[in-house]
Protein backbone atom coordinates (compact mmCIF):
# COMPACT_ATOMS: atom_id res chain seq x y z
CA MET A 1 -44.42 141.24 198.71
CA HIS A 2 -47.01 143.97 198.31
CA ASN A 3 -46.55 146.52 195.56
CA LYS A 4 -48.21 149.70 194.36
CA LEU A 5 -50.88 147.65 192.67
CA ASN A 6 -52.44 146.25 195.81
CA SER A 7 -52.66 149.31 198.01
CA VAL A 8 -55.17 152.08 197.38
CA VAL A 9 -55.23 155.53 198.98
CA LEU A 10 -58.38 157.66 198.89
CA ILE A 11 -57.98 161.43 199.04
CA GLY A 12 -60.56 164.21 198.93
CA MET A 13 -62.42 166.78 200.94
CA PRO A 14 -64.11 166.06 204.27
CA GLY A 15 -67.53 164.67 203.40
CA ALA A 16 -66.34 163.15 200.10
CA GLY A 17 -67.02 159.65 201.42
CA LYS A 18 -63.45 158.36 201.78
CA SER A 19 -64.11 156.38 204.97
CA THR A 20 -67.49 155.00 203.88
CA LEU A 21 -66.31 154.08 200.39
CA GLY A 22 -62.98 152.83 201.73
CA VAL A 23 -64.62 150.12 203.83
CA LEU A 24 -66.70 148.94 200.83
CA LEU A 25 -63.72 149.09 198.47
CA ALA A 26 -61.55 147.08 200.88
CA LYS A 27 -64.27 144.43 201.06
CA GLU A 28 -64.64 144.40 197.26
CA LEU A 29 -60.86 144.07 196.71
CA GLY A 30 -60.23 141.71 199.63
CA LEU A 31 -57.89 144.15 201.36
CA ASP A 32 -57.56 145.51 204.89
CA PHE A 33 -58.82 149.02 205.63
CA VAL A 34 -57.19 151.85 207.51
CA ASP A 35 -58.58 155.32 208.27
CA THR A 36 -55.82 157.81 209.08
CA ASP A 37 -58.23 160.11 210.95
CA VAL A 38 -59.03 157.21 213.29
CA ALA A 39 -55.29 156.43 213.60
CA ILE A 40 -54.68 160.08 214.62
CA GLN A 41 -57.46 159.94 217.21
CA VAL A 42 -56.17 156.65 218.66
CA ARG A 43 -52.61 157.98 218.77
CA GLU A 44 -53.69 161.22 220.46
CA GLY A 45 -56.44 159.73 222.63
CA ARG A 46 -58.91 162.43 221.59
CA SER A 47 -61.09 163.56 218.69
CA LEU A 48 -59.86 165.66 215.78
CA GLN A 49 -62.07 168.54 216.94
CA ASP A 50 -60.56 168.30 220.45
CA ILE A 51 -57.06 168.46 218.94
CA LEU A 52 -58.07 171.56 216.97
CA ASP A 53 -59.77 173.17 219.99
CA ASN A 54 -56.76 172.65 222.27
CA ASN A 55 -53.89 172.98 219.80
CA ASP A 56 -54.27 174.26 216.25
CA TYR A 57 -54.61 173.10 212.66
CA LEU A 58 -50.84 173.01 212.14
CA TYR A 59 -50.43 170.65 215.10
CA LEU A 60 -53.10 168.37 213.63
CA ARG A 61 -51.34 168.41 210.26
CA GLU A 62 -48.04 167.54 211.97
CA ILE A 63 -49.61 164.51 213.71
CA GLU A 64 -51.26 163.56 210.42
CA GLU A 65 -47.89 163.64 208.66
CA GLN A 66 -46.39 161.36 211.33
CA VAL A 67 -49.26 158.90 210.80
CA LEU A 68 -48.85 159.05 206.99
CA LEU A 69 -45.14 158.29 207.37
CA SER A 70 -45.52 155.48 209.91
CA GLU A 71 -48.75 153.65 209.02
CA ASP A 72 -48.31 150.28 207.31
CA ILE A 73 -50.37 150.59 204.14
CA ALA A 74 -49.25 147.45 202.31
CA GLY A 75 -52.25 145.53 201.00
CA LYS A 76 -54.70 148.07 202.38
CA VAL A 77 -57.27 150.60 201.30
CA VAL A 78 -56.41 153.83 203.13
CA ALA A 79 -58.89 156.64 203.76
CA THR A 80 -56.84 159.75 204.48
CA GLY A 81 -57.88 162.91 206.25
CA GLY A 82 -58.80 165.75 203.92
CA SER A 83 -55.63 167.62 204.86
CA ALA A 84 -53.21 164.75 204.08
CA VAL A 85 -52.23 166.49 200.82
CA TYR A 86 -50.51 169.27 202.76
CA SER A 87 -47.77 166.79 203.69
CA LYS A 88 -45.51 166.56 200.64
CA VAL A 89 -43.32 163.90 202.26
CA GLY A 90 -46.37 161.93 203.45
CA MET A 91 -48.01 162.00 200.03
CA GLU A 92 -44.77 161.04 198.28
CA ARG A 93 -44.52 157.99 200.56
CA LEU A 94 -48.11 157.00 199.78
CA LYS A 95 -47.62 157.57 196.05
CA GLN A 96 -44.59 155.24 196.01
CA SER A 97 -46.55 152.33 197.39
CA ALA A 98 -50.19 152.84 196.40
CA THR A 99 -52.57 153.96 193.71
CA ILE A 100 -54.02 157.31 194.79
CA ILE A 101 -57.66 158.02 194.01
CA PHE A 102 -59.25 161.47 194.33
CA LEU A 103 -62.95 161.38 195.19
CA ASP A 104 -64.06 164.61 193.53
CA VAL A 105 -67.28 165.90 195.06
CA PRO A 106 -68.62 169.35 194.07
CA LEU A 107 -68.77 172.08 196.70
CA PRO A 108 -72.61 172.26 196.99
CA ALA A 109 -72.78 168.52 197.73
CA LEU A 110 -69.99 168.85 200.31
CA ARG A 111 -71.86 171.69 202.04
CA GLN A 112 -74.88 169.38 202.42
CA ARG A 113 -72.83 166.42 203.64
CA ILE A 114 -70.60 168.23 206.13
CA GLY A 115 -73.30 169.95 208.14
CA ASN A 116 -71.57 172.11 210.74
CA PHE A 117 -68.23 173.04 209.17
CA ALA A 118 -67.03 174.70 212.41
CA THR A 119 -67.31 171.54 214.53
CA ARG A 120 -66.39 168.83 212.00
CA GLY A 121 -62.71 168.56 213.04
CA ILE A 122 -61.39 170.03 209.78
CA ALA A 123 -57.78 171.25 209.72
CA ARG A 124 -57.99 174.76 208.30
CA LYS A 125 -56.70 178.27 208.87
CA PRO A 126 -58.68 180.31 211.40
CA ASN A 127 -61.83 181.70 209.74
CA GLN A 128 -61.05 179.98 206.42
CA SER A 129 -64.26 179.37 204.48
CA LEU A 130 -65.23 176.01 203.03
CA LYS A 131 -64.98 177.46 199.52
CA SER A 132 -61.46 178.78 200.12
CA LEU A 133 -60.41 175.43 201.62
CA PHE A 134 -62.04 173.55 198.71
CA ASP A 135 -60.24 175.67 196.10
CA GLU A 136 -56.89 175.32 197.87
CA ARG A 137 -57.12 171.57 198.40
CA CYS A 138 -58.59 170.51 195.04
CA THR A 139 -55.42 171.71 193.30
CA LEU A 140 -53.37 169.45 195.59
CA TYR A 141 -55.75 166.49 195.23
CA ARG A 142 -55.45 166.64 191.44
CA GLN A 143 -51.66 166.97 191.68
CA TYR A 144 -51.26 163.75 193.68
CA ALA A 145 -54.07 161.62 192.19
CA ASP A 146 -53.40 158.74 189.84
CA ILE A 147 -57.16 158.46 189.24
CA ASN A 148 -59.90 161.12 189.54
CA ILE A 149 -63.41 159.91 190.28
CA ASP A 150 -66.19 162.38 189.52
CA CYS A 151 -68.64 161.66 192.34
CA ASP A 152 -71.19 164.28 191.25
CA GLN A 153 -74.72 162.84 191.16
CA GLN A 154 -73.45 159.30 191.86
CA SER A 155 -74.75 156.99 194.57
CA LEU A 156 -72.28 155.21 196.82
CA GLU A 157 -72.76 152.02 194.79
CA GLN A 158 -72.14 153.86 191.50
CA THR A 159 -69.02 155.50 192.93
CA LEU A 160 -67.71 152.13 194.14
CA LYS A 161 -68.30 150.63 190.69
CA SER A 162 -66.49 153.59 189.04
CA VAL A 163 -63.53 153.24 191.40
CA VAL A 164 -63.18 149.50 190.77
CA GLN A 165 -63.48 149.92 186.97
CA GLN A 166 -60.95 152.76 186.82
CA LEU A 167 -58.59 150.97 189.18
CA LEU A 168 -58.63 147.85 186.98
CA ALA A 169 -58.10 149.96 183.85
CA TYR A 170 -55.28 151.95 185.49
CA ARG A 171 -53.50 148.81 186.66
CA GLY A 172 -54.15 147.29 183.24
């Protein structure tokens, strides 16, 4: 039987490295890996940006919530979409069965990593700036996180090491 101690959920802004780190963390911990953005795209048969272009951000969040509620996360590292934290019921489900880790990346670094904010497939209000989205979401990330990882000035390897160390300490 899997319990909270052997499932890990990564939350954070687009560009924080959830998917990239998630694969490495799953390998390190000997767990399966799931990316909810990929699950959304498979379910819908189209890209996140296509969903946003032809529907809207609320539709994308609705599909995301359905994925958060239905995806089997037992014994897995889960990289969520940046907007997962808008689903209270989805996050509560994840929190019951996993350790939630917030990958905290400062806004200037995110700006560099994201590139074209308008075409990245980011669920946001029309004309919402990256700064506004960052401010809004960081409050939610901190609210749901069991562990905060400060990713500022850290390489991927350093971040992975920090995550593993804090996870072991948290699970004590």
